[in-house]
């Protein structure tokens, strides 16, 4: 009896070792297929987060390069008018006899020029009928 049990176990282990691997496909998927989900996630993050931020930074950089005296600006929460620009330093006129020097990179918002506002004629409203 013991001999027949040993023979049966030996046959079973040989049969189990010769069975094809489970999973149906057999073998490993290619490296590119494994990498595809990560590439898709990176592409989604790039188009939703990174690309719009780069465009915004380029727009701010162009705006900073186009600064001229008389522009109304916001620099680190300080509202003022550009009085002078020298290299990377902008002198802001905050109030009468109050001038503040800031780096150009801290200017985030440029309003319309003070000269343009003074020259603009007031528009007449049309009466409603």
C-alpha atoms as a PDB file:
ATOM      1  CA  UNK A   1       0.000   0.000   0.000  1.00  0.00           C
ATOM      2  CA  UNK A   2       2.737   2.368   0.875  1.00  0.00           C
ATOM      3  CA  UNK A   3       4.440   1.611  -2.429  1.00  0.00           C
ATOM      4  CA  UNK A   4       1.293   2.429  -4.418  1.00  0.00           C
ATOM      5  CA  UNK A   5       0.842   5.737  -2.521  1.00  0.00           C
ATOM      6  CA  UNK A   6       4.456   6.718  -3.226  1.00  0.00           C
ATOM      7  CA  UNK A   7       4.032   5.849  -6.910  1.00  0.00           C
ATOM      8  CA  UNK A   8       0.816   7.879  -7.110  1.00  0.00           C
ATOM      9  CA  UNK A   9       2.485  10.940  -5.477  1.00  0.00           C
ATOM     10  CA  UNK A  10       5.436  10.657  -7.840  1.00  0.00           C
ATOM     11  CA  UNK A  11       3.137  10.528 -10.868  1.00  0.00           C
ATOM     12  CA  UNK A  12       1.110  13.498  -9.567  1.00  0.00           C
ATOM     13  CA  UNK A  13       4.194  15.698  -8.992  1.00  0.00           C
ATOM     14  CA  UNK A  14       5.522  14.904 -12.469  1.00  0.00           C
ATOM     15  CA  UNK A  15       2.165  15.700 -14.028  1.00  0.00           C
ATOM     16  CA  UNK A  16       1.900  18.970 -12.056  1.00  0.00           C
ATOM     17  CA  UNK A  17       5.404  20.029 -13.086  1.00  0.00           C
ATOM     18  CA  UNK A  18       4.594  19.374 -16.755  1.00  0.00           C
ATOM     19  CA  UNK A  19       1.358  21.427 -16.700  1.00  0.00           C
ATOM     20  CA  UNK A  20       1.368  24.695 -18.675  1.00  0.00           C
ATOM     21  CA  UNK A  21       1.631  27.893 -16.616  1.00  0.00           C
ATOM     22  CA  UNK A  22      -1.665  29.341 -15.481  1.00  0.00           C
ATOM     23  CA  UNK A  23      -2.892  32.645 -16.936  1.00  0.00           C
ATOM     24  CA  UNK A  24      -3.511  31.409 -20.417  1.00  0.00           C
ATOM     25  CA  UNK A  25      -0.935  33.627 -22.146  1.00  0.00           C
ATOM     26  CA  UNK A  26       2.222  32.121 -20.939  1.00  0.00           C
ATOM     27  CA  UNK A  27       5.299  34.297 -20.610  1.00  0.00           C
ATOM     28  CA  UNK A  28       5.789  37.926 -19.579  1.00  0.00           C
ATOM     29  CA  UNK A  29       4.169  40.895 -21.394  1.00  0.00           C
ATOM     30  CA  UNK A  30       6.597  43.118 -23.236  1.00  0.00           C
ATOM     31  CA  UNK A  31       8.304  46.030 -21.499  1.00  0.00           C
ATOM     32  CA  UNK A  32       6.411  48.631 -23.554  1.00  0.00           C
ATOM     33  CA  UNK A  33       3.052  47.161 -22.582  1.00  0.00           C
ATOM     34  CA  UNK A  34       4.034  47.324 -18.921  1.00  0.00           C
ATOM     35  CA  UNK A  35       5.220  50.924 -19.356  1.00  0.00           C
ATOM     36  CA  UNK A  36       2.112  52.108 -21.249  1.00  0.00           C
ATOM     37  CA  UNK A  37      -0.051  53.008 -18.192  1.00  0.00           C
ATOM     38  CA  UNK A  38       2.740  55.127 -16.733  1.00  0.00           C
ATOM     39  CA  UNK A  39       3.229  56.941 -20.044  1.00  0.00           C
ATOM     40  CA  UNK A  40      -0.506  57.634 -20.285  1.00  0.00           C
ATOM     41  CA  UNK A  41      -0.613  59.041 -16.744  1.00  0.00           C
ATOM     42  CA  UNK A  42       2.386  61.275 -17.473  1.00  0.00           C
ATOM     43  CA  UNK A  43       0.741  62.547 -20.680  1.00  0.00           C
ATOM     44  CA  UNK A  44      -2.468  63.376 -18.825  1.00  0.00           C
ATOM     45  CA  UNK A  45      -0.571  65.230 -16.090  1.00  0.00           C
ATOM     46  CA  UNK A  46       1.471  67.103 -18.704  1.00  0.00           C
ATOM     47  CA  UNK A  47      -1.546  68.373 -20.640  1.00  0.00           C
ATOM     48  CA  UNK A  48      -3.663  69.172 -17.580  1.00  0.00           C
ATOM     49  CA  UNK A  49      -1.064  70.688 -15.230  1.00  0.00           C
ATOM     50  CA  UNK A  50       2.402  71.304 -16.650  1.00  0.00           C
ATOM     51  CA  UNK A  51       1.638  72.797 -20.078  1.00  0.00           C
ATOM     52  CA  UNK A  52      -0.897  75.427 -18.878  1.00  0.00           C
ATOM     53  CA  UNK A  53       1.486  76.512 -16.121  1.00  0.00           C
ATOM     54  CA  UNK A  54       4.326  76.943 -18.636  1.00  0.00           C
ATOM     55  CA  UNK A  55       2.080  79.060 -20.866  1.00  0.00           C
ATOM     56  CA  UNK A  56       1.097  81.239 -17.913  1.00  0.00           C
ATOM     57  CA  UNK A  57       4.756  81.742 -16.936  1.00  0.00           C
ATOM     58  CA  UNK A  58       5.656  82.719 -20.523  1.00  0.00           C
ATOM     59  CA  UNK A  59       2.798  85.223 -20.594  1.00  0.00           C
ATOM     60  CA  UNK A  60       3.938  86.795 -17.297  1.00  0.00           C
ATOM     61  CA  UNK A  61       7.538  86.950 -18.569  1.00  0.00           C
ATOM     62  CA  UNK A  62       6.404  88.716 -21.773  1.00  0.00           C
ATOM     63  CA  UNK A  63       4.333  91.145 -19.718  1.00  0.00           C
ATOM     64  CA  UNK A  64       7.313  91.908 -17.469  1.00  0.00           C
ATOM     65  CA  UNK A  65       9.539  92.575 -20.489  1.00  0.00           C
ATOM     66  CA  UNK A  66       6.949  94.981 -21.943  1.00  0.00           C
ATOM     67  CA  UNK A  67       6.814  97.188 -18.834  1.00  0.00           C
ATOM     68  CA  UNK A  68       7.147 100.923 -19.389  1.00  0.00           C
ATOM     69  CA  UNK A  69       6.943 103.984 -17.135  1.00  0.00           C
ATOM     70  CA  UNK A  70       3.382 104.975 -16.357  1.00  0.00           C
ATOM     71  CA  UNK A  71       1.975 101.420 -16.173  1.00  0.00           C
ATOM     72  CA  UNK A  72      -0.183 100.566 -13.167  1.00  0.00           C
ATOM     73  CA  UNK A  73       1.156  97.356 -11.633  1.00  0.00           C
ATOM     74  CA  UNK A  74       0.822  95.010  -8.678  1.00  0.00           C
ATOM     75  CA  UNK A  75       4.087  93.823  -7.163  1.00  0.00           C
ATOM     76  CA  UNK A  76       3.857  91.476  -4.168  1.00  0.00           C
ATOM     77  CA  UNK A  77       0.538  93.033  -3.200  1.00  0.00           C
ATOM     78  CA  UNK A  78       1.788  96.614  -3.558  1.00  0.00           C
ATOM     79  CA  UNK A  79      -0.173  98.743  -6.004  1.00  0.00           C
ATOM     80  CA  UNK A  80       1.820 101.405  -7.790  1.00  0.00           C
ATOM     81  CA  UNK A  81       2.796 103.147 -10.978  1.00  0.00           C
ATOM     82  CA  UNK A  82       6.050 102.345 -12.735  1.00  0.00           C
ATOM     83  CA  UNK A  83       8.279 105.398 -12.376  1.00  0.00           C
ATOM     84  CA  UNK A  84      11.576 104.015 -13.661  1.00  0.00           C
ATOM     85  CA  UNK A  85      13.029 100.749 -14.952  1.00  0.00           C
ATOM     86  CA  UNK A  86      16.729 100.003 -14.688  1.00  0.00           C
ATOM     87  CA  UNK A  87      17.929  96.523 -15.607  1.00  0.00           C
ATOM     88  CA  UNK A  88      15.986  94.154 -13.332  1.00  0.00           C
ATOM     89  CA  UNK A  89      14.891  96.789 -10.780  1.00  0.00           C
ATOM     90  CA  UNK A  90      11.599  98.665 -11.123  1.00  0.00           C
ATOM     91  CA  UNK A  91      10.896 101.814  -9.125  1.00  0.00           C
ATOM     92  CA  UNK A  92       7.214 102.096  -8.237  1.00  0.00           C
ATOM     93  CA  UNK A  93       5.506 105.316  -7.271  1.00  0.00           C
ATOM     94  CA  UNK A  94       3.152 104.214  -4.506  1.00  0.00           C
ATOM     95  CA  UNK A  95       2.043 107.671  -3.323  1.00  0.00           C
ATOM     96  CA  UNK A  96       3.267 111.262  -3.537  1.00  0.00           C
ATOM     97  CA  UNK A  97       6.933 111.258  -2.458  1.00  0.00           C
ATOM     98  CA  UNK A  98       6.829 107.478  -1.787  1.00  0.00           C
ATOM     99  CA  UNK A  99       8.807 105.261  -4.123  1.00  0.00           C
ATOM    100  CA  UNK A 100       9.526 101.566  -3.727  1.00  0.00           C
ATOM    101  CA  UNK A 101      12.121  99.539  -5.608  1.00  0.00           C
ATOM    102  CA  UNK A 102      11.186  95.954  -6.507  1.00  0.00           C
ATOM    103  CA  UNK A 103      12.600  93.272  -8.747  1.00  0.00           C
ATOM    104  CA  UNK A 104      10.887  92.963 -12.091  1.00  0.00           C
ATOM    105  CA  UNK A 105      10.125  89.296 -11.445  1.00  0.00           C
ATOM    106  CA  UNK A 106       7.807  90.238  -8.543  1.00  0.00           C
ATOM    107  CA  UNK A 107       5.446  92.185 -10.794  1.00  0.00           C
ATOM    108  CA  UNK A 108       2.468  89.969 -11.531  1.00  0.00           C
ATOM    109  CA  UNK A 109      -0.293  92.231 -12.898  1.00  0.00           C
ATOM    110  CA  UNK A 110      -0.064  95.157 -15.268  1.00  0.00           C
ATOM    111  CA  UNK A 111      -3.017  97.481 -15.596  1.00  0.00           C
ATOM    112  CA  UNK A 112      -3.539 100.076 -18.258  1.00  0.00           C
ATOM    113  CA  UNK A 113      -1.154 103.008 -18.566  1.00  0.00           C
ATOM    114  CA  UNK A 114      -1.986 106.145 -16.569  1.00  0.00           C
ATOM    115  CA  UNK A 115      -1.345 108.275 -19.644  1.00  0.00           C
ATOM    116  CA  UNK A 116      -3.826 106.249 -21.685  1.00  0.00           C
ATOM    117  CA  UNK A 117      -6.494 106.717 -19.026  1.00  0.00           C
ATOM    118  CA  UNK A 118      -5.967 110.490 -18.931  1.00  0.00           C
ATOM    119  CA  UNK A 119      -6.124 110.813 -22.725  1.00  0.00           C
ATOM    120  CA  UNK A 120      -9.222 108.681 -23.054  1.00  0.00           C
ATOM    121  CA  UNK A 121     -12.314 110.791 -23.566  1.00  0.00           C
ATOM    122  CA  UNK A 122     -15.378 109.890 -21.515  1.00  0.00           C
ATOM    123  CA  UNK A 123     -18.023 108.151 -23.530  1.00  0.00           C
ATOM    124  CA  UNK A 124     -21.533 109.538 -23.570  1.00  0.00           C
ATOM    125  CA  UNK A 125     -24.293 107.171 -22.654  1.00  0.00           C
ATOM    126  CA  UNK A 126     -27.145 106.854 -25.077  1.00  0.00           C
ATOM    127  CA  UNK A 127     -30.545 107.567 -23.572  1.00  0.00           C
ATOM    128  CA  UNK A 128     -32.891 104.631 -23.645  1.00  0.00           C
ATOM    129  CA  UNK A 129     -36.055 104.996 -25.695  1.00  0.00           C
END
